[in-house]
């Protein structure tokens, strides 16, 4: 009887030792992971290079990362508020949920990247290349995307109040159900852009190229289309267009938009 009790007690001790050993191993690995992340952050700050790094949750607030090379990097939920990433090279970067209000991405190359649910209020992307970027549910009010290359970008359900897209290239950009109230698209190239259900109240489209653009269910009250080209052009043809192609001027006027004799719309 005593032998049985002793055996059971010994078994419990062994099991307890194994549990403690496993826990210590886990904590050791966790510490290594944290140290590795810290090392990568230090490497980035020191060398401004970090390819294929895992920088999720990294605190890089107001960091000087001008001309940094960050290809194939994970930056989800990182704090980039006020950081300077001007002229940075960032191919296929994961920037979902980052906080980057007031950050500077001037002339940065950020191709094929994910920005979903990120915050870029008052950020600067002037002249940047965000081609094929996924920016769904982004908050970037008062941000500056002037002269930026934004072909095939996806902005669905984003908040872009008073955001500046002047002279930006936005071929086939998708702004479905996005709040663009007061946004500036003057001189922008919005060929075949999609504004389905978007709020475009008081937006500025002066002299913008809006050929083949779609405005189904859009709010257009106060939107300025003076000098804008809203014609419809058949793809892969050189057919000239006239006053009978494209969006009807009356539809714009009835929606509260501003048009004049310089607006190219269907009469």
C-alpha atoms as a PDB file:
ATOM      1  CA  UNK A   1       0.000   0.000   0.000  1.00  0.00           C
ATOM      2  CA  UNK A   2       2.758   2.410   0.951  1.00  0.00           C
ATOM      3  CA  UNK A   3       4.589   1.556  -2.260  1.00  0.00           C
ATOM      4  CA  UNK A   4       1.532   2.463  -4.333  1.00  0.00           C
ATOM      5  CA  UNK A   5       1.094   5.788  -2.531  1.00  0.00           C
ATOM      6  CA  UNK A   6       4.777   6.546  -2.952  1.00  0.00           C
ATOM      7  CA  UNK A   7       4.619   5.709  -6.629  1.00  0.00           C
ATOM      8  CA  UNK A   8       1.640   8.051  -7.160  1.00  0.00           C
ATOM      9  CA  UNK A   9       3.340  10.859  -5.232  1.00  0.00           C
ATOM     10  CA  UNK A  10       6.514  10.371  -7.247  1.00  0.00           C
ATOM     11  CA  UNK A  11       4.549  10.448 -10.492  1.00  0.00           C
ATOM     12  CA  UNK A  12       2.931  13.740  -9.478  1.00  0.00           C
ATOM     13  CA  UNK A  13       6.323  15.259  -8.694  1.00  0.00           C
ATOM     14  CA  UNK A  14       7.716  14.180 -12.064  1.00  0.00           C
ATOM     15  CA  UNK A  15       4.696  15.628 -13.846  1.00  0.00           C
ATOM     16  CA  UNK A  16       5.057  18.891 -11.912  1.00  0.00           C
ATOM     17  CA  UNK A  17       8.749  19.068 -12.857  1.00  0.00           C
ATOM     18  CA  UNK A  18       7.882  18.510 -16.527  1.00  0.00           C
ATOM     19  CA  UNK A  19       5.235  21.259 -16.417  1.00  0.00           C
ATOM     20  CA  UNK A  20       7.686  23.702 -14.811  1.00  0.00           C
ATOM     21  CA  UNK A  21      10.377  22.773 -17.360  1.00  0.00           C
ATOM     22  CA  UNK A  22       7.939  23.352 -20.220  1.00  0.00           C
ATOM     23  CA  UNK A  23       6.904  26.713 -18.819  1.00  0.00           C
ATOM     24  CA  UNK A  24      10.527  27.815 -18.411  1.00  0.00           C
ATOM     25  CA  UNK A  25      11.264  26.711 -21.984  1.00  0.00           C
ATOM     26  CA  UNK A  26       8.292  28.715 -23.260  1.00  0.00           C
ATOM     27  CA  UNK A  27       9.386  31.819 -21.371  1.00  0.00           C
ATOM     28  CA  UNK A  28      12.919  31.409 -22.662  1.00  0.00           C
ATOM     29  CA  UNK A  29      11.683  31.234 -26.260  1.00  0.00           C
ATOM     30  CA  UNK A  30       9.424  34.222 -25.644  1.00  0.00           C
ATOM     31  CA  UNK A  31      12.369  36.240 -24.333  1.00  0.00           C
ATOM     32  CA  UNK A  32      14.409  35.286 -27.397  1.00  0.00           C
ATOM     33  CA  UNK A  33      11.537  36.388 -29.639  1.00  0.00           C
ATOM     34  CA  UNK A  34      11.305  39.742 -27.885  1.00  0.00           C
ATOM     35  CA  UNK A  35      15.069  40.198 -28.060  1.00  0.00           C
ATOM     36  CA  UNK A  36      15.072  39.300 -31.780  1.00  0.00           C
ATOM     37  CA  UNK A  37      12.365  41.893 -32.430  1.00  0.00           C
ATOM     38  CA  UNK A  38      14.289  44.487 -30.431  1.00  0.00           C
ATOM     39  CA  UNK A  39      17.426  43.636 -32.389  1.00  0.00           C
ATOM     40  CA  UNK A  40      15.572  44.135 -35.658  1.00  0.00           C
ATOM     41  CA  UNK A  41      14.239  47.489 -34.513  1.00  0.00           C
ATOM     42  CA  UNK A  42      17.757  48.550 -33.514  1.00  0.00           C
ATOM     43  CA  UNK A  43      19.096  47.345 -36.870  1.00  0.00           C
ATOM     44  CA  UNK A  44      16.491  49.407 -38.686  1.00  0.00           C
ATOM     45  CA  UNK A  45      17.234  52.546 -36.687  1.00  0.00           C
ATOM     46  CA  UNK A  46      21.008  52.127 -37.006  1.00  0.00           C
ATOM     47  CA  UNK A  47      21.315  50.972 -40.616  1.00  0.00           C
ATOM     48  CA  UNK A  48      17.928  51.993 -42.063  1.00  0.00           C
ATOM     49  CA  UNK A  49      17.749  48.538 -43.600  1.00  0.00           C
ATOM     50  CA  UNK A  50      15.673  45.573 -42.536  1.00  0.00           C
ATOM     51  CA  UNK A  51      14.575  43.112 -45.222  1.00  0.00           C
ATOM     52  CA  UNK A  52      11.962  40.482 -44.292  1.00  0.00           C
ATOM     53  CA  UNK A  53      11.904  41.732 -40.689  1.00  0.00           C
ATOM     54  CA  UNK A  54       9.069  41.221 -38.238  1.00  0.00           C
ATOM     55  CA  UNK A  55       8.414  44.670 -36.756  1.00  0.00           C
ATOM     56  CA  UNK A  56       4.843  44.132 -35.640  1.00  0.00           C
ATOM     57  CA  UNK A  57       3.894  46.403 -32.710  1.00  0.00           C
ATOM     58  CA  UNK A  58       7.249  48.201 -32.989  1.00  0.00           C
ATOM     59  CA  UNK A  59       7.406  51.694 -31.483  1.00  0.00           C
ATOM     60  CA  UNK A  60       8.961  53.932 -34.143  1.00  0.00           C
ATOM     61  CA  UNK A  61       7.322  57.188 -33.200  1.00  0.00           C
ATOM     62  CA  UNK A  62       9.137  60.191 -34.756  1.00  0.00           C
ATOM     63  CA  UNK A  63      11.892  57.857 -35.994  1.00  0.00           C
ATOM     64  CA  UNK A  64      14.276  59.118 -38.676  1.00  0.00           C
ATOM     65  CA  UNK A  65      13.893  56.523 -41.435  1.00  0.00           C
ATOM     66  CA  UNK A  66      14.619  58.642 -44.486  1.00  0.00           C
ATOM     67  CA  UNK A  67      15.581  56.457 -47.469  1.00  0.00           C
ATOM     68  CA  UNK A  68      15.125  53.311 -45.384  1.00  0.00           C
ATOM     69  CA  UNK A  69      14.958  49.965 -47.188  1.00  0.00           C
ATOM     70  CA  UNK A  70      12.098  47.870 -45.808  1.00  0.00           C
ATOM     71  CA  UNK A  71      11.153  45.279 -48.414  1.00  0.00           C
ATOM     72  CA  UNK A  72       8.848  42.409 -47.372  1.00  0.00           C
ATOM     73  CA  UNK A  73       8.530  43.710 -43.803  1.00  0.00           C
ATOM     74  CA  UNK A  74       5.694  43.143 -41.317  1.00  0.00           C
ATOM     75  CA  UNK A  75       4.761  46.409 -39.599  1.00  0.00           C
ATOM     76  CA  UNK A  76       1.207  45.638 -38.459  1.00  0.00           C
ATOM     77  CA  UNK A  77       0.090  47.743 -35.473  1.00  0.00           C
ATOM     78  CA  UNK A  78       3.395  49.599 -35.385  1.00  0.00           C
ATOM     79  CA  UNK A  79       3.523  53.158 -34.027  1.00  0.00           C
ATOM     80  CA  UNK A  80       4.845  55.392 -36.823  1.00  0.00           C
ATOM     81  CA  UNK A  81       3.302  58.659 -35.675  1.00  0.00           C
ATOM     82  CA  UNK A  82       5.439  61.563 -36.822  1.00  0.00           C
ATOM     83  CA  UNK A  83       8.070  59.238 -38.329  1.00  0.00           C
ATOM     84  CA  UNK A  84      10.052  60.369 -41.374  1.00  0.00           C
ATOM     85  CA  UNK A  85       9.980  57.713 -44.101  1.00  0.00           C
ATOM     86  CA  UNK A  86      10.523  60.075 -47.015  1.00  0.00           C
ATOM     87  CA  UNK A  87      12.173  58.422 -50.036  1.00  0.00           C
ATOM     88  CA  UNK A  88      11.900  55.012 -48.341  1.00  0.00           C
ATOM     89  CA  UNK A  89      11.830  51.792 -50.405  1.00  0.00           C
ATOM     90  CA  UNK A  90       9.049  49.537 -49.103  1.00  0.00           C
ATOM     91  CA  UNK A  91       8.023  46.817 -51.543  1.00  0.00           C
ATOM     92  CA  UNK A  92       5.295  44.399 -50.396  1.00  0.00           C
ATOM     93  CA  UNK A  93       5.092  45.763 -46.849  1.00  0.00           C
ATOM     94  CA  UNK A  94       2.329  44.907 -44.367  1.00  0.00           C
ATOM     95  CA  UNK A  95       1.129  48.156 -42.752  1.00  0.00           C
ATOM     96  CA  UNK A  96      -2.334  47.154 -41.570  1.00  0.00           C
ATOM     97  CA  UNK A  97      -3.508  48.833 -38.356  1.00  0.00           C
ATOM     98  CA  UNK A  98      -0.421  51.075 -38.124  1.00  0.00           C
ATOM     99  CA  UNK A  99      -0.726  54.436 -36.387  1.00  0.00           C
ATOM    100  CA  UNK A 100       1.032  56.943 -38.629  1.00  0.00           C
ATOM    101  CA  UNK A 101      -0.696  60.279 -38.122  1.00  0.00           C
ATOM    102  CA  UNK A 102       1.603  63.100 -39.183  1.00  0.00           C
ATOM    103  CA  UNK A 103       4.158  60.699 -40.681  1.00  0.00           C
ATOM    104  CA  UNK A 104       6.171  61.744 -43.742  1.00  0.00           C
ATOM    105  CA  UNK A 105       6.152  59.337 -46.718  1.00  0.00           C
ATOM    106  CA  UNK A 106       7.146  61.947 -49.305  1.00  0.00           C
ATOM    107  CA  UNK A 107       8.437  60.300 -52.523  1.00  0.00           C
ATOM    108  CA  UNK A 108       8.410  56.876 -50.848  1.00  0.00           C
ATOM    109  CA  UNK A 109       8.028  53.737 -52.957  1.00  0.00           C
ATOM    110  CA  UNK A 110       5.455  51.485 -51.271  1.00  0.00           C
ATOM    111  CA  UNK A 111       4.241  49.115 -53.980  1.00  0.00           C
ATOM    112  CA  UNK A 112       1.942  46.080 -53.638  1.00  0.00           C
ATOM    113  CA  UNK A 113       1.467  46.809 -49.927  1.00  0.00           C
ATOM    114  CA  UNK A 114      -1.336  46.424 -47.390  1.00  0.00           C
ATOM    115  CA  UNK A 115      -2.561  49.458 -45.442  1.00  0.00           C
ATOM    116  CA  UNK A 116      -5.992  48.198 -44.331  1.00  0.00           C
ATOM    117  CA  UNK A 117      -7.376  49.888 -41.184  1.00  0.00           C
ATOM    118  CA  UNK A 118      -4.319  52.132 -40.829  1.00  0.00           C
ATOM    119  CA  UNK A 119      -4.449  55.716 -39.515  1.00  0.00           C
ATOM    120  CA  UNK A 120      -2.699  58.328 -41.678  1.00  0.00           C
ATOM    121  CA  UNK A 121      -4.446  61.552 -40.637  1.00  0.00           C
ATOM    122  CA  UNK A 122      -2.341  64.593 -41.640  1.00  0.00           C
ATOM    123  CA  UNK A 123       0.334  62.308 -43.119  1.00  0.00           C
ATOM    124  CA  UNK A 124       2.377  63.350 -46.177  1.00  0.00           C
ATOM    125  CA  UNK A 125       2.508  61.077 -49.241  1.00  0.00           C
ATOM    126  CA  UNK A 126       3.383  63.794 -51.731  1.00  0.00           C
ATOM    127  CA  UNK A 127       4.878  62.230 -54.863  1.00  0.00           C
ATOM    128  CA  UNK A 128       4.838  58.737 -53.308  1.00  0.00           C
ATOM    129  CA  UNK A 129       4.147  55.560 -55.299  1.00  0.00           C
ATOM    130  CA  UNK A 130       1.504  53.353 -53.670  1.00  0.00           C
ATOM    131  CA  UNK A 131       0.559  51.441 -56.807  1.00  0.00           C
ATOM    132  CA  UNK A 132      -1.808  48.497 -56.245  1.00  0.00           C
ATOM    133  CA  UNK A 133      -1.986  49.291 -52.546  1.00  0.00           C
ATOM    134  CA  UNK A 134      -4.861  48.000 -50.414  1.00  0.00           C
ATOM    135  CA  UNK A 135      -6.084  50.871 -48.228  1.00  0.00           C
ATOM    136  CA  UNK A 136      -9.518  49.695 -47.140  1.00  0.00           C
ATOM    137  CA  UNK A 137     -11.037  51.368 -44.067  1.00  0.00           C
ATOM    138  CA  UNK A 138      -8.072  53.741 -43.851  1.00  0.00           C
ATOM    139  CA  UNK A 139      -8.347  57.003 -41.922  1.00  0.00           C
ATOM    140  CA  UNK A 140      -6.351  59.665 -43.765  1.00  0.00           C
ATOM    141  CA  UNK A 141      -8.239  62.921 -43.361  1.00  0.00           C
ATOM    142  CA  UNK A 142      -6.212  66.036 -44.256  1.00  0.00           C
ATOM    143  CA  UNK A 143      -3.434  63.817 -45.621  1.00  0.00           C
ATOM    144  CA  UNK A 144      -1.436  64.976 -48.656  1.00  0.00           C
ATOM    145  CA  UNK A 145      -1.337  62.588 -51.640  1.00  0.00           C
ATOM    146  CA  UNK A 146      -0.673  65.305 -54.207  1.00  0.00           C
ATOM    147  CA  UNK A 147       1.295  64.187 -57.280  1.00  0.00           C
ATOM    148  CA  UNK A 148       1.268  60.630 -55.937  1.00  0.00           C
ATOM    149  CA  UNK A 149       1.093  57.523 -58.129  1.00  0.00           C
ATOM    150  CA  UNK A 150      -1.964  55.626 -56.925  1.00  0.00           C
ATOM    151  CA  UNK A 151      -2.964  53.351 -59.811  1.00  0.00           C
ATOM    152  CA  UNK A 152      -5.267  50.442 -58.949  1.00  0.00           C
ATOM    153  CA  UNK A 153      -5.419  51.398 -55.262  1.00  0.00           C
ATOM    154  CA  UNK A 154      -8.368  50.187 -53.162  1.00  0.00           C
ATOM    155  CA  UNK A 155      -9.838  52.651 -50.652  1.00  0.00           C
ATOM    156  CA  UNK A 156     -13.266  51.152 -49.926  1.00  0.00           C
ATOM    157  CA  UNK A 157     -15.000  52.356 -46.750  1.00  0.00           C
ATOM    158  CA  UNK A 158     -12.193  54.776 -45.871  1.00  0.00           C
ATOM    159  CA  UNK A 159     -12.390  58.224 -44.254  1.00  0.00           C
ATOM    160  CA  UNK A 160     -10.588  60.789 -46.418  1.00  0.00           C
ATOM    161  CA  UNK A 161     -12.179  64.087 -45.415  1.00  0.00           C
ATOM    162  CA  UNK A 162     -10.369  67.078 -46.969  1.00  0.00           C
ATOM    163  CA  UNK A 163      -7.612  64.799 -48.228  1.00  0.00           C
ATOM    164  CA  UNK A 164      -5.453  66.273 -50.988  1.00  0.00           C
ATOM    165  CA  UNK A 165      -5.146  64.238 -54.219  1.00  0.00           C
ATOM    166  CA  UNK A 166      -4.244  67.153 -56.468  1.00  0.00           C
ATOM    167  CA  UNK A 167      -2.502  66.021 -59.688  1.00  0.00           C
ATOM    168  CA  UNK A 168      -2.380  62.428 -58.439  1.00  0.00           C
ATOM    169  CA  UNK A 169      -2.633  59.488 -60.858  1.00  0.00           C
ATOM    170  CA  UNK A 170      -5.539  57.308 -59.758  1.00  0.00           C
ATOM    171  CA  UNK A 171      -6.313  55.039 -62.711  1.00  0.00           C
ATOM    172  CA  UNK A 172      -9.015  52.532 -61.736  1.00  0.00           C
ATOM    173  CA  UNK A 173      -8.828  53.528 -58.070  1.00  0.00           C
ATOM    174  CA  UNK A 174     -11.692  52.127 -55.997  1.00  0.00           C
ATOM    175  CA  UNK A 175     -13.352  54.570 -53.576  1.00  0.00           C
ATOM    176  CA  UNK A 176     -16.539  52.608 -52.929  1.00  0.00           C
ATOM    177  CA  UNK A 177     -18.508  53.970 -49.948  1.00  0.00           C
ATOM    178  CA  UNK A 178     -15.632  56.224 -48.921  1.00  0.00           C
ATOM    179  CA  UNK A 179     -16.082  59.569 -47.170  1.00  0.00           C
ATOM    180  CA  UNK A 180     -14.318  62.094 -49.443  1.00  0.00           C
ATOM    181  CA  UNK A 181     -16.145  65.191 -48.280  1.00  0.00           C
ATOM    182  CA  UNK A 182     -14.133  68.258 -49.248  1.00  0.00           C
ATOM    183  CA  UNK A 183     -11.369  66.186 -50.876  1.00  0.00           C
ATOM    184  CA  UNK A 184      -9.224  67.874 -53.514  1.00  0.00           C
ATOM    185  CA  UNK A 185      -8.894  66.052 -56.872  1.00  0.00           C
ATOM    186  CA  UNK A 186      -7.977  69.089 -58.946  1.00  0.00           C
ATOM    187  CA  UNK A 187      -6.007  68.101 -62.071  1.00  0.00           C
ATOM    188  CA  UNK A 188      -6.023  64.459 -60.933  1.00  0.00           C
ATOM    189  CA  UNK A 189      -6.156  61.575 -63.416  1.00  0.00           C
ATOM    190  CA  UNK A 190      -9.109  59.452 -62.315  1.00  0.00           C
ATOM    191  CA  UNK A 191      -9.618  57.387 -65.437  1.00  0.00           C
ATOM    192  CA  UNK A 192     -12.174  54.651 -64.709  1.00  0.00           C
ATOM    193  CA  UNK A 193     -12.210  55.386 -60.976  1.00  0.00           C
ATOM    194  CA  UNK A 194     -15.074  53.928 -58.954  1.00  0.00           C
ATOM    195  CA  UNK A 195     -16.979  56.230 -56.566  1.00  0.00           C
ATOM    196  CA  UNK A 196     -19.928  53.924 -55.892  1.00  0.00           C
ATOM    197  CA  UNK A 197     -21.825  55.223 -52.853  1.00  0.00           C
ATOM    198  CA  UNK A 198     -19.027  57.653 -51.971  1.00  0.00           C
ATOM    199  CA  UNK A 199     -19.589  60.946 -50.151  1.00  0.00           C
ATOM    200  CA  UNK A 200     -18.162  63.575 -52.525  1.00  0.00           C
ATOM    201  CA  UNK A 201     -19.907  66.604 -51.056  1.00  0.00           C
ATOM    202  CA  UNK A 202     -17.876  69.779 -51.711  1.00  0.00           C
ATOM    203  CA  UNK A 203     -15.092  67.767 -53.375  1.00  0.00           C
ATOM    204  CA  UNK A 204     -12.957  69.608 -55.938  1.00  0.00           C
ATOM    205  CA  UNK A 205     -12.675  67.924 -59.367  1.00  0.00           C
ATOM    206  CA  UNK A 206     -11.632  70.999 -61.344  1.00  0.00           C
ATOM    207  CA  UNK A 207      -9.870  70.004 -64.576  1.00  0.00           C
ATOM    208  CA  UNK A 208      -9.746  66.345 -63.487  1.00  0.00           C
ATOM    209  CA  UNK A 209      -9.768  63.465 -65.960  1.00  0.00           C
ATOM    210  CA  UNK A 210     -12.855  61.426 -65.052  1.00  0.00           C
ATOM    211  CA  UNK A 211     -13.290  59.493 -68.272  1.00  0.00           C
ATOM    212  CA  UNK A 212     -15.207  56.259 -67.631  1.00  0.00           C
ATOM    213  CA  UNK A 213     -15.476  57.099 -63.901  1.00  0.00           C
ATOM    214  CA  UNK A 214     -18.539  55.780 -62.044  1.00  0.00           C
ATOM    215  CA  UNK A 215     -20.604  57.851 -59.624  1.00  0.00           C
ATOM    216  CA  UNK A 216     -23.516  55.489 -58.918  1.00  0.00           C
ATOM    217  CA  UNK A 217     -25.293  56.462 -55.671  1.00  0.00           C
ATOM    218  CA  UNK A 218     -22.611  59.070 -54.907  1.00  0.00           C
ATOM    219  CA  UNK A 219     -23.333  62.224 -52.909  1.00  0.00           C
ATOM    220  CA  UNK A 220     -22.340  65.119 -55.166  1.00  0.00           C
ATOM    221  CA  UNK A 221     -23.782  68.201 -53.484  1.00  0.00           C
ATOM    222  CA  UNK A 222     -21.348  71.073 -53.880  1.00  0.00           C
ATOM    223  CA  UNK A 223     -18.819  68.976 -55.845  1.00  0.00           C
ATOM    224  CA  UNK A 224     -17.002  71.189 -58.360  1.00  0.00           C
ATOM    225  CA  UNK A 225     -16.635  69.722 -61.872  1.00  0.00           C
ATOM    226  CA  UNK A 226     -15.576  72.856 -63.713  1.00  0.00           C
ATOM    227  CA  UNK A 227     -13.210  71.930 -66.524  1.00  0.00           C
ATOM    228  CA  UNK A 228     -13.507  68.209 -65.667  1.00  0.00           C
ATOM    229  CA  UNK A 229     -13.756  65.557 -68.390  1.00  0.00           C
ATOM    230  CA  UNK A 230     -16.535  63.075 -67.624  1.00  0.00           C
ATOM    231  CA  UNK A 231     -16.701  61.503 -71.084  1.00  0.00           C
ATOM    232  CA  UNK A 232     -17.042  57.790 -71.730  1.00  0.00           C
ATOM    233  CA  UNK A 233     -14.411  56.290 -74.032  1.00  0.00           C
ATOM    234  CA  UNK A 234     -14.628  52.776 -75.440  1.00  0.00           C
ATOM    235  CA  UNK A 235     -11.507  50.843 -74.504  1.00  0.00           C
ATOM    236  CA  UNK A 236      -9.084  49.810 -77.250  1.00  0.00           C
ATOM    237  CA  UNK A 237     -10.535  52.266 -79.735  1.00  0.00           C
ATOM    238  CA  UNK A 238      -9.502  55.640 -81.042  1.00  0.00           C
ATOM    239  CA  UNK A 239     -13.073  56.813 -81.508  1.00  0.00           C
ATOM    240  CA  UNK A 240     -13.472  60.498 -80.732  1.00  0.00           C
ATOM    241  CA  UNK A 241     -16.143  61.530 -78.300  1.00  0.00           C
ATOM    242  CA  UNK A 242     -18.534  64.432 -78.300  1.00  0.00           C
ATOM    243  CA  UNK A 243     -21.355  65.926 -76.303  1.00  0.00           C
ATOM    244  CA  UNK A 244     -23.381  62.696 -76.412  1.00  0.00           C
ATOM    245  CA  UNK A 245     -20.967  60.479 -74.480  1.00  0.00           C
ATOM    246  CA  UNK A 246     -20.415  60.119 -70.778  1.00  0.00           C
ATOM    247  CA  UNK A 247     -22.303  61.274 -67.681  1.00  0.00           C
ATOM    248  CA  UNK A 248     -25.233  63.619 -68.231  1.00  0.00           C
ATOM    249  CA  UNK A 249     -24.688  67.182 -67.132  1.00  0.00           C
ATOM    250  CA  UNK A 250     -28.281  67.307 -65.893  1.00  0.00           C
ATOM    251  CA  UNK A 251     -27.635  64.386 -63.566  1.00  0.00           C
ATOM    252  CA  UNK A 252     -24.749  66.267 -62.008  1.00  0.00           C
ATOM    253  CA  UNK A 253     -26.746  69.470 -61.659  1.00  0.00           C
ATOM    254  CA  UNK A 254     -29.744  67.633 -60.187  1.00  0.00           C
ATOM    255  CA  UNK A 255     -27.382  66.090 -57.612  1.00  0.00           C
ATOM    256  CA  UNK A 256     -26.240  69.567 -56.557  1.00  0.00           C
ATOM    257  CA  UNK A 257     -22.858  69.469 -58.313  1.00  0.00           C
ATOM    258  CA  UNK A 258     -21.232  72.527 -59.904  1.00  0.00           C
ATOM    259  CA  UNK A 259     -20.758  72.435 -63.684  1.00  0.00           C
ATOM    260  CA  UNK A 260     -20.254  75.089 -66.363  1.00  0.00           C
ATOM    261  CA  UNK A 261     -19.489  75.346 -70.076  1.00  0.00           C
ATOM    262  CA  UNK A 262     -15.982  73.978 -69.492  1.00  0.00           C
ATOM    263  CA  UNK A 263     -17.317  70.708 -68.044  1.00  0.00           C
ATOM    264  CA  UNK A 264     -17.225  67.856 -70.547  1.00  0.00           C
ATOM    265  CA  UNK A 265     -20.378  65.938 -69.775  1.00  0.00           C
ATOM    266  CA  UNK A 266     -23.327  64.638 -71.771  1.00  0.00           C
ATOM    267  CA  UNK A 267     -25.657  67.468 -72.743  1.00  0.00           C
END
